[in-house]
Amino acid sequence: MKKFLVCMTIFFSSSATVFAETCPNLIKQIDELLAESKQLSAEQIKEVKILRIQGEEAHKEGNKEECEKLLSQALDLLG
């Protein structure tokens, strides 16, 4: 039983770390795609940047679902 509890603790600790890094990785991906993008209009770029900022703020507030939703919308606009 003790081994089981130790394994579960390690599993959930590592899972939380992976989830915590998802949003920053999406932000980095958006930044890279924005730097390379040449086919977006100024309005589209503005919308992507707004979604990115809102996603980053949601991440800082600990709202992972909202963060991923906003960042996914930004990525969709980037193609």
N, C-alpha and C. Protein backbone atom coordinates (compact mmCIF):
# COMPACT_ATOMS: atom_id res chain seq x y z
N MET A 1 0.83 -1.20 0.00
CA MET A 1 0.00 0.00 0.00
C MET A 1 0.87 1.26 0.00
N LYS A 2 1.95 1.20 0.76
CA LYS A 2 2.84 2.36 0.84
C LYS A 2 3.47 2.65 -0.53
N LYS A 3 3.87 1.61 -1.25
CA LYS A 3 4.44 1.79 -2.58
C LYS A 3 3.42 2.42 -3.53
N PHE A 4 2.19 1.96 -3.41
CA PHE A 4 1.13 2.50 -4.25
C PHE A 4 0.97 4.00 -4.02
N LEU A 5 0.93 4.41 -2.76
CA LEU A 5 0.77 5.83 -2.43
C LEU A 5 1.95 6.66 -2.94
N VAL A 6 3.15 6.12 -2.82
CA VAL A 6 4.34 6.82 -3.31
C VAL A 6 4.26 6.97 -4.83
N CYS A 7 3.88 5.90 -5.51
CA CYS A 7 3.76 5.94 -6.98
C CYS A 7 2.70 6.94 -7.41
N MET A 8 1.58 6.95 -6.75
CA MET A 8 0.51 7.88 -7.10
C MET A 8 0.93 9.33 -6.85
N THR A 9 1.65 9.57 -5.78
CA THR A 9 2.13 10.91 -5.48
C THR A 9 3.09 11.39 -6.58
N ILE A 10 3.99 10.53 -6.98
CA ILE A 10 4.94 10.87 -8.05
C ILE A 10 4.20 11.11 -9.36
N PHE A 11 3.24 10.25 -9.66
CA PHE A 11 2.47 10.39 -10.90
C PHE A 11 1.74 11.72 -10.95
N PHE A 12 1.03 12.06 -9.90
CA PHE A 12 0.26 13.30 -9.91
C PHE A 12 1.15 14.52 -9.86
N SER A 13 2.29 14.43 -9.22
CA SER A 13 3.23 15.56 -9.20
C SER A 13 3.78 15.81 -10.60
N SER A 14 4.15 14.75 -11.29
CA SER A 14 4.70 14.93 -12.64
C SER A 14 3.62 15.36 -13.61
N SER A 15 2.39 14.89 -13.44
CA SER A 15 1.29 15.31 -14.31
C SER A 15 1.01 16.79 -14.17
N ALA A 16 1.04 17.29 -12.96
CA ALA A 16 0.79 18.71 -12.73
C ALA A 16 1.87 19.55 -13.40
N THR A 17 3.09 19.09 -13.38
CA THR A 17 4.19 19.81 -14.02
C THR A 17 3.98 19.87 -15.52
N VAL A 18 3.58 18.77 -16.11
CA VAL A 18 3.35 18.73 -17.56
C VAL A 18 2.23 19.69 -17.93
N PHE A 19 1.13 19.66 -17.19
CA PHE A 19 0.01 20.55 -17.49
C PHE A 19 0.40 22.01 -17.29
N ALA A 20 1.24 22.28 -16.32
CA ALA A 20 1.64 23.66 -16.05
C ALA A 20 2.48 24.22 -17.19
N GLU A 21 3.15 23.35 -17.93
CA GLU A 21 4.02 23.80 -19.01
C GLU A 21 3.31 23.88 -20.36
N THR A 22 2.10 23.38 -20.46
CA THR A 22 1.37 23.39 -21.72
C THR A 22 1.15 24.80 -22.24
N CYS A 23 0.63 25.68 -21.39
CA CYS A 23 0.31 27.04 -21.83
C CYS A 23 1.56 27.82 -22.25
N PRO A 24 2.64 27.79 -21.47
CA PRO A 24 3.84 28.50 -21.92
C PRO A 24 4.36 27.98 -23.27
N ASN A 25 4.23 26.69 -23.50
CA ASN A 25 4.65 26.14 -24.79
C ASN A 25 3.77 26.65 -25.92
N LEU A 26 2.47 26.77 -25.67
CA LEU A 26 1.56 27.32 -26.68
C LEU A 26 1.89 28.79 -26.95
N ILE A 27 2.19 29.53 -25.90
CA ILE A 27 2.57 30.95 -26.06
C ILE A 27 3.82 31.06 -26.91
N LYS A 28 4.79 30.22 -26.64
CA LYS A 28 6.04 30.23 -27.42
C LYS A 28 5.76 29.90 -28.88
N GLN A 29 4.89 28.92 -29.11
CA GLN A 29 4.54 28.54 -30.47
C GLN A 29 3.86 29.70 -31.21
N ILE A 30 2.96 30.40 -30.53
CA ILE A 30 2.29 31.56 -31.12
C ILE A 30 3.31 32.63 -31.48
N ASP A 31 4.23 32.91 -30.57
CA ASP A 31 5.25 33.93 -30.82
C ASP A 31 6.09 33.58 -32.04
N GLU A 32 6.46 32.31 -32.16
CA GLU A 32 7.27 31.88 -33.30
C GLU A 32 6.49 32.01 -34.61
N LEU A 33 5.23 31.61 -34.59
CA LEU A 33 4.41 31.69 -35.80
C LEU A 33 4.13 33.14 -36.19
N LEU A 34 3.93 34.00 -35.20
CA LEU A 34 3.72 35.42 -35.48
C LEU A 34 4.95 36.02 -36.15
N ALA A 35 6.12 35.65 -35.69
CA ALA A 35 7.37 36.19 -36.25
C ALA A 35 7.56 35.74 -37.70
N GLU A 36 7.06 34.54 -38.03
CA GLU A 36 7.23 34.00 -39.38
C GLU A 36 6.09 34.37 -40.32
N SER A 37 4.97 34.79 -39.76
CA SER A 37 3.76 35.00 -40.56
C SER A 37 3.89 36.22 -41.47
N LYS A 38 3.55 35.99 -42.74
CA LYS A 38 3.59 37.08 -43.72
C LYS A 38 2.25 37.21 -44.44
N GLN A 39 1.32 36.29 -44.16
CA GLN A 39 0.06 36.28 -44.89
C GLN A 39 -1.12 36.82 -44.09
N LEU A 40 -0.89 37.22 -42.86
CA LEU A 40 -1.99 37.72 -42.03
C LEU A 40 -2.15 39.22 -42.22
N SER A 41 -3.38 39.65 -42.14
CA SER A 41 -3.65 41.10 -42.19
C SER A 41 -3.30 41.71 -40.84
N ALA A 42 -3.22 43.02 -40.82
CA ALA A 42 -2.92 43.73 -39.56
C ALA A 42 -3.99 43.43 -38.52
N GLU A 43 -5.24 43.33 -38.96
CA GLU A 43 -6.36 43.04 -38.05
C GLU A 43 -6.23 41.63 -37.47
N GLN A 44 -5.84 40.67 -38.29
CA GLN A 44 -5.67 39.30 -37.81
C GLN A 44 -4.51 39.21 -36.82
N ILE A 45 -3.43 39.90 -37.10
CA ILE A 45 -2.29 39.91 -36.19
C ILE A 45 -2.70 40.52 -34.85
N LYS A 46 -3.46 41.61 -34.91
CA LYS A 46 -3.94 42.26 -33.69
C LYS A 46 -4.79 41.29 -32.87
N GLU A 47 -5.70 40.56 -33.53
CA GLU A 47 -6.56 39.62 -32.83
C GLU A 47 -5.76 38.49 -32.19
N VAL A 48 -4.76 37.97 -32.91
CA VAL A 48 -3.91 36.91 -32.37
C VAL A 48 -3.18 37.42 -31.13
N LYS A 49 -2.64 38.63 -31.20
CA LYS A 49 -1.91 39.18 -30.06
C LYS A 49 -2.82 39.39 -28.85
N ILE A 50 -4.05 39.82 -29.09
CA ILE A 50 -5.01 40.01 -27.99
C ILE A 50 -5.32 38.66 -27.33
N LEU A 51 -5.58 37.65 -28.15
CA LEU A 51 -5.86 36.31 -27.61
C LEU A 51 -4.66 35.76 -26.85
N ARG A 52 -3.46 36.02 -27.36
CA ARG A 52 -2.24 35.56 -26.69
C ARG A 52 -2.10 36.21 -25.32
N ILE A 53 -2.32 37.52 -25.25
CA ILE A 53 -2.22 38.24 -23.98
C ILE A 53 -3.28 37.74 -22.99
N GLN A 54 -4.50 37.57 -23.47
CA GLN A 54 -5.57 37.07 -22.61
C GLN A 54 -5.26 35.66 -22.11
N GLY A 55 -4.69 34.83 -22.99
CA GLY A 55 -4.31 33.48 -22.60
C GLY A 55 -3.22 33.48 -21.55
N GLU A 56 -2.25 34.35 -21.73
CA GLU A 56 -1.16 34.44 -20.76
C GLU A 56 -1.69 34.91 -19.40
N GLU A 57 -2.61 35.86 -19.42
CA GLU A 57 -3.21 36.34 -18.17
C GLU A 57 -4.00 35.23 -17.48
N ALA A 58 -4.76 34.45 -18.26
CA ALA A 58 -5.52 33.33 -17.70
C ALA A 58 -4.56 32.32 -17.07
N HIS A 59 -3.42 32.09 -17.72
CA HIS A 59 -2.41 31.16 -17.17
C HIS A 59 -1.88 31.68 -15.84
N LYS A 60 -1.56 32.95 -15.78
CA LYS A 60 -1.05 33.54 -14.54
C LYS A 60 -2.06 33.47 -13.41
N GLU A 61 -3.35 33.51 -13.77
CA GLU A 61 -4.42 33.43 -12.77
C GLU A 61 -4.73 31.98 -12.39
N GLY A 62 -4.11 31.04 -13.08
CA GLY A 62 -4.32 29.63 -12.78
C GLY A 62 -5.52 29.02 -13.49
N ASN A 63 -6.06 29.72 -14.46
CA ASN A 63 -7.22 29.23 -15.20
C ASN A 63 -6.75 28.52 -16.47
N LYS A 64 -6.37 27.26 -16.30
CA LYS A 64 -5.77 26.48 -17.39
C LYS A 64 -6.72 26.28 -18.57
N GLU A 65 -7.99 25.99 -18.27
CA GLU A 65 -8.95 25.74 -19.36
C GLU A 65 -9.14 26.98 -20.22
N GLU A 66 -9.30 28.13 -19.59
CA GLU A 66 -9.48 29.37 -20.34
C GLU A 66 -8.22 29.70 -21.13
N CYS A 67 -7.07 29.48 -20.51
CA CYS A 67 -5.79 29.73 -21.17
C CYS A 67 -5.68 28.91 -22.44
N GLU A 68 -5.92 27.62 -22.35
CA GLU A 68 -5.80 26.75 -23.51
C GLU A 68 -6.82 27.11 -24.59
N LYS A 69 -8.02 27.49 -24.18
CA LYS A 69 -9.05 27.87 -25.13
C LYS A 69 -8.62 29.11 -25.93
N LEU A 70 -8.15 30.12 -25.22
CA LEU A 70 -7.74 31.36 -25.88
C LEU A 70 -6.53 31.14 -26.78
N LEU A 71 -5.55 30.40 -26.28
CA LEU A 71 -4.34 30.17 -27.07
C LEU A 71 -4.63 29.28 -28.29
N SER A 72 -5.56 28.35 -28.16
CA SER A 72 -5.95 27.53 -29.30
C SER A 72 -6.64 28.38 -30.37
N GLN A 73 -7.45 29.33 -29.94
CA GLN A 73 -8.08 30.25 -30.90
C GLN A 73 -7.03 31.04 -31.66
N ALA A 74 -6.01 31.52 -30.94
CA ALA A 74 -4.94 32.26 -31.58
C ALA A 74 -4.20 31.38 -32.59
N LEU A 75 -3.92 30.16 -32.22
CA LEU A 75 -3.23 29.24 -33.13
C LEU A 75 -4.08 28.94 -34.37
N ASP A 76 -5.39 28.82 -34.17
CA ASP A 76 -6.28 28.58 -35.31
C ASP A 76 -6.21 29.74 -36.30
N LEU A 77 -6.16 30.95 -35.79
CA LEU A 77 -6.05 32.11 -36.68
C LEU A 77 -4.73 32.14 -37.44
N LEU A 78 -3.69 31.60 -36.81
CA LEU A 78 -2.38 31.55 -37.45
C LEU A 78 -2.30 30.46 -38.51
N GLY A 79 -3.27 29.56 -38.48
CA GLY A 79 -3.32 28.50 -39.50
C GLY A 79 -2.62 27.31 -39.05
